[in-house]
Amino acid sequence: MAVSLGVDAVGLVFASDSPRAVDVQQACTLISHCGPFVSVVGLFMDQDASTIKNIIKRVPLNMLQFHGCETESFCTGFGLPYLKSVAMGTSKDVNACLNDHAYKTASALLLDGNECGQPGGSGKIFDWSKVPALSRPVIVAGGLDADNVISCIQQVNPYAVDVSSGIESAKGEKDMIKMRDFVQSVRIANER
């Protein structure tokens, strides 16, 4: 459904504690439905390097997304571009938070509404008005849905938006109508 709606990327969660986690076989089946211009992003959180390398060998990923306490040198050790999530849920000073998570080699920083040490997908938003103008790509996540994504895009002007719980009917179950409405709202925001 996501691919038919024209999304740029599809995320596959490999963090085993997540209700959205997929195994290698499920991931490969899902990827078989992606066209050549849809990026496939593998999401990891504080997993060891051997686990990540094993998944990369078996699953054709285009990019990695790290949501834990991974260091920059760890993130660069897999030969793929990566996104680094920054937990904005507890940040009082966004600039300090972003400076602490410089990750200069990251393709983008993913600003999420979760609290430090907690996984994303919580459905919590953070104060978008505190995001400074940055010279590098920023992706906004956390609590986005069809009703608020237009405001987010207008306030932050991110490179992209990332959604999970905002398009679900229940935790881990994607809702096709919510997915369609979300993509439509993103298109409306981009036309303004």
Protein backbone atom coordinates (compact mmCIF):
# COMPACT_ATOMS: atom_id res chain seq x y z
CA MET A 1 0.00 0.00 0.00
CA ALA A 2 2.76 2.44 0.93
CA VAL A 3 4.55 1.88 -2.36
CA SER A 4 1.32 2.32 -4.34
CA LEU A 5 0.83 5.67 -2.56
CA GLY A 6 4.19 6.87 -3.85
CA VAL A 7 6.28 6.99 -0.66
CA ASP A 8 10.01 7.58 -0.99
CA ALA A 9 11.07 5.08 1.67
CA VAL A 10 9.77 2.11 3.62
CA GLY A 11 11.13 1.31 7.07
CA LEU A 12 11.58 -2.21 8.37
CA VAL A 13 11.99 -2.54 12.13
CA PHE A 14 14.60 -5.08 13.23
CA ALA A 15 14.58 -4.05 16.90
CA SER A 16 13.28 -7.29 18.41
CA ASP A 17 11.44 -5.62 21.32
CA SER A 18 9.23 -3.62 18.99
CA PRO A 19 5.65 -4.71 18.21
CA ARG A 20 6.51 -3.69 14.65
CA ALA A 21 9.56 -5.98 14.38
CA VAL A 22 9.97 -8.12 11.27
CA ASP A 23 12.23 -11.09 10.76
CA VAL A 24 14.51 -11.60 7.75
CA GLN A 25 11.96 -13.64 5.80
CA GLN A 26 9.17 -11.09 6.35
CA ALA A 27 11.55 -8.28 5.38
CA CYS A 28 12.52 -9.96 2.12
CA THR A 29 8.87 -10.60 1.26
CA LEU A 30 8.00 -6.94 1.90
CA ILE A 31 10.97 -5.72 -0.12
CA SER A 32 9.87 -7.81 -3.08
CA HIS A 33 6.90 -5.43 -3.37
CA CYS A 34 9.07 -2.30 -3.47
CA GLY A 35 9.99 -0.76 -6.77
CA PRO A 36 13.52 0.29 -7.71
CA PHE A 37 12.99 3.90 -6.62
CA VAL A 38 11.73 3.17 -3.09
CA SER A 39 14.48 3.19 -0.46
CA VAL A 40 14.37 0.41 2.09
CA VAL A 41 15.51 1.49 5.55
CA GLY A 42 16.42 -0.99 8.28
CA LEU A 43 15.75 0.28 11.80
CA PHE A 44 17.97 -0.90 14.67
CA MET A 45 18.25 -0.02 18.34
CA ASP A 46 21.33 -0.91 20.40
CA GLN A 47 21.89 -4.22 18.63
CA ASP A 48 25.35 -5.73 18.34
CA ALA A 49 27.33 -5.34 15.13
CA SER A 50 27.22 -9.04 14.26
CA THR A 51 23.40 -9.08 14.34
CA ILE A 52 23.22 -6.03 12.08
CA LYS A 53 25.83 -7.44 9.66
CA ASN A 54 23.93 -10.73 9.46
CA ILE A 55 20.70 -8.91 8.58
CA ILE A 56 22.46 -6.72 5.99
CA LYS A 57 23.88 -9.85 4.30
CA ARG A 58 20.42 -11.37 3.98
CA VAL A 59 18.19 -8.31 3.44
CA PRO A 60 18.85 -5.80 0.63
CA LEU A 61 18.72 -2.53 2.61
CA ASN A 62 19.52 0.89 1.15
CA MET A 63 20.00 2.69 4.45
CA LEU A 64 20.21 2.08 8.20
CA GLN A 65 18.39 3.98 10.92
CA PHE A 66 19.78 3.88 14.46
CA HIS A 67 17.52 4.66 17.43
CA GLY A 68 19.68 3.80 20.41
CA CYS A 69 22.92 4.92 22.01
CA GLU A 70 25.05 3.94 19.02
CA THR A 71 28.21 5.98 18.52
CA GLU A 72 29.02 7.65 15.24
CA SER A 73 31.89 5.22 14.61
CA PHE A 74 29.53 2.29 15.18
CA CYS A 75 26.96 3.72 12.75
CA THR A 76 29.56 4.12 10.00
CA GLY A 77 30.81 0.54 10.31
CA PHE A 78 28.35 -1.16 7.98
CA GLY A 79 29.10 0.32 4.56
CA LEU A 80 25.63 1.86 4.17
CA PRO A 81 24.37 5.41 4.62
CA TYR A 82 22.56 5.94 7.90
CA LEU A 83 20.11 8.12 9.79
CA LYS A 84 20.59 8.82 13.48
CA SER A 85 17.58 9.34 15.69
CA VAL A 86 17.68 12.07 18.31
CA ALA A 87 15.26 11.61 21.22
CA MET A 88 13.61 15.02 21.56
CA GLY A 89 11.03 14.03 24.20
CA THR A 90 13.23 15.02 27.12
CA SER A 91 15.22 17.78 25.48
CA LYS A 92 14.83 21.21 27.03
CA ASP A 93 17.51 22.75 24.80
CA VAL A 94 17.17 21.57 21.22
CA ASN A 95 20.43 23.18 20.09
CA ALA A 96 22.38 21.42 22.84
CA CYS A 97 20.67 18.16 22.01
CA LEU A 98 21.56 18.45 18.34
CA ASN A 99 25.15 19.43 19.15
CA ASP A 100 25.46 16.41 21.45
CA HIS A 101 24.27 14.23 18.57
CA ALA A 102 26.37 15.77 15.84
CA TYR A 103 26.85 12.58 13.84
CA LYS A 104 28.45 14.49 10.97
CA THR A 105 28.52 11.35 8.81
CA ALA A 106 24.76 10.74 9.09
CA SER A 107 22.73 11.32 5.95
CA ALA A 108 20.18 13.06 8.18
CA LEU A 109 19.14 13.42 11.79
CA LEU A 110 15.75 11.98 12.64
CA LEU A 111 14.14 14.07 15.38
CA ASP A 112 11.71 11.86 17.30
CA GLY A 113 9.28 12.56 20.14
CA ASN A 114 10.45 9.64 22.24
CA GLU A 115 12.45 9.98 25.44
CA CYS A 116 16.16 9.13 25.60
CA GLY A 117 16.68 5.37 25.83
CA GLN A 118 13.12 4.61 24.72
CA PRO A 119 12.17 3.29 21.29
CA GLY A 120 10.40 5.45 18.74
CA GLY A 121 6.85 4.75 17.63
CA SER A 122 5.46 6.12 20.88
CA GLY A 123 3.05 8.53 19.22
CA LYS A 124 4.48 11.46 21.20
CA ILE A 125 5.20 14.76 19.48
CA PHE A 126 7.79 17.29 20.60
CA ASP A 127 7.80 21.08 20.36
CA TRP A 128 8.54 21.63 16.66
CA SER A 129 8.94 25.38 17.15
CA LYS A 130 12.22 24.73 18.98
CA VAL A 131 13.90 23.07 16.00
CA PRO A 132 16.56 25.48 14.73
CA ALA A 133 17.30 25.99 11.07
CA LEU A 134 19.99 23.47 10.22
CA SER A 135 22.32 23.19 7.28
CA ARG A 136 21.79 19.44 7.10
CA PRO A 137 18.74 17.30 6.38
CA VAL A 138 16.31 16.74 9.23
CA ILE A 139 13.55 14.16 9.32
CA VAL A 140 10.73 14.68 11.82
CA ALA A 141 9.02 11.75 13.53
CA GLY A 142 6.95 11.26 16.63
CA GLY A 143 3.20 11.54 16.92
CA LEU A 144 2.64 12.55 13.31
CA ASP A 145 -0.68 11.80 11.67
CA ALA A 146 -2.83 13.15 8.85
CA ASP A 147 -4.20 15.90 11.10
CA ASN A 148 -0.88 17.42 12.25
CA VAL A 149 1.70 16.64 9.58
CA ILE A 150 0.84 19.78 7.57
CA SER A 151 1.59 21.99 10.60
CA CYS A 152 4.82 20.10 11.22
CA ILE A 153 6.01 20.57 7.64
CA GLN A 154 5.07 24.27 7.69
CA GLN A 155 6.91 24.91 10.99
CA VAL A 156 10.03 22.78 10.52
CA ASN A 157 10.38 22.48 6.73
CA PRO A 158 12.02 19.06 7.17
CA TYR A 159 13.70 17.06 4.45
CA ALA A 160 11.16 14.30 5.17
CA VAL A 161 8.65 13.06 7.71
CA ASP A 162 8.54 9.61 9.27
CA VAL A 163 5.32 7.99 10.49
CA SER A 164 4.45 4.78 12.24
CA SER A 165 1.87 4.89 15.04
CA GLY A 166 -0.03 7.69 13.27
CA ILE A 167 -1.07 5.32 10.50
CA GLU A 168 -2.04 2.38 12.68
CA SER A 169 -5.43 1.02 13.76
CA ALA A 170 -3.65 -0.85 16.61
CA LYS A 171 0.01 -1.04 17.65
CA GLY A 172 1.87 -2.70 14.80
CA GLU A 173 -1.16 -2.86 12.47
CA LYS A 174 -1.07 -0.37 9.60
CA ASP A 175 -4.38 1.14 8.54
CA MET A 176 -4.67 1.71 4.79
CA ILE A 177 -7.09 4.64 5.12
CA LYS A 178 -4.87 6.40 7.66
CA MET A 179 -1.87 5.73 5.44
CA ARG A 180 -3.62 7.22 2.41
CA ASP A 181 -4.79 10.26 4.39
CA PHE A 182 -1.28 10.84 5.76
CA VAL A 183 0.35 10.75 2.32
CA GLN A 184 -2.36 13.08 0.98
CA SER A 185 -1.70 15.56 3.81
CA VAL A 186 2.04 15.49 3.08
CA ARG A 187 1.31 16.27 -0.57
CA ILE A 188 -0.96 19.17 0.41
CA ALA A 189 1.77 20.58 2.68
CA ASN A 190 4.36 20.31 -0.10
CA GLU A 191 2.10 22.18 -2.53
CA ARG A 192 1.76 25.20 -0.23
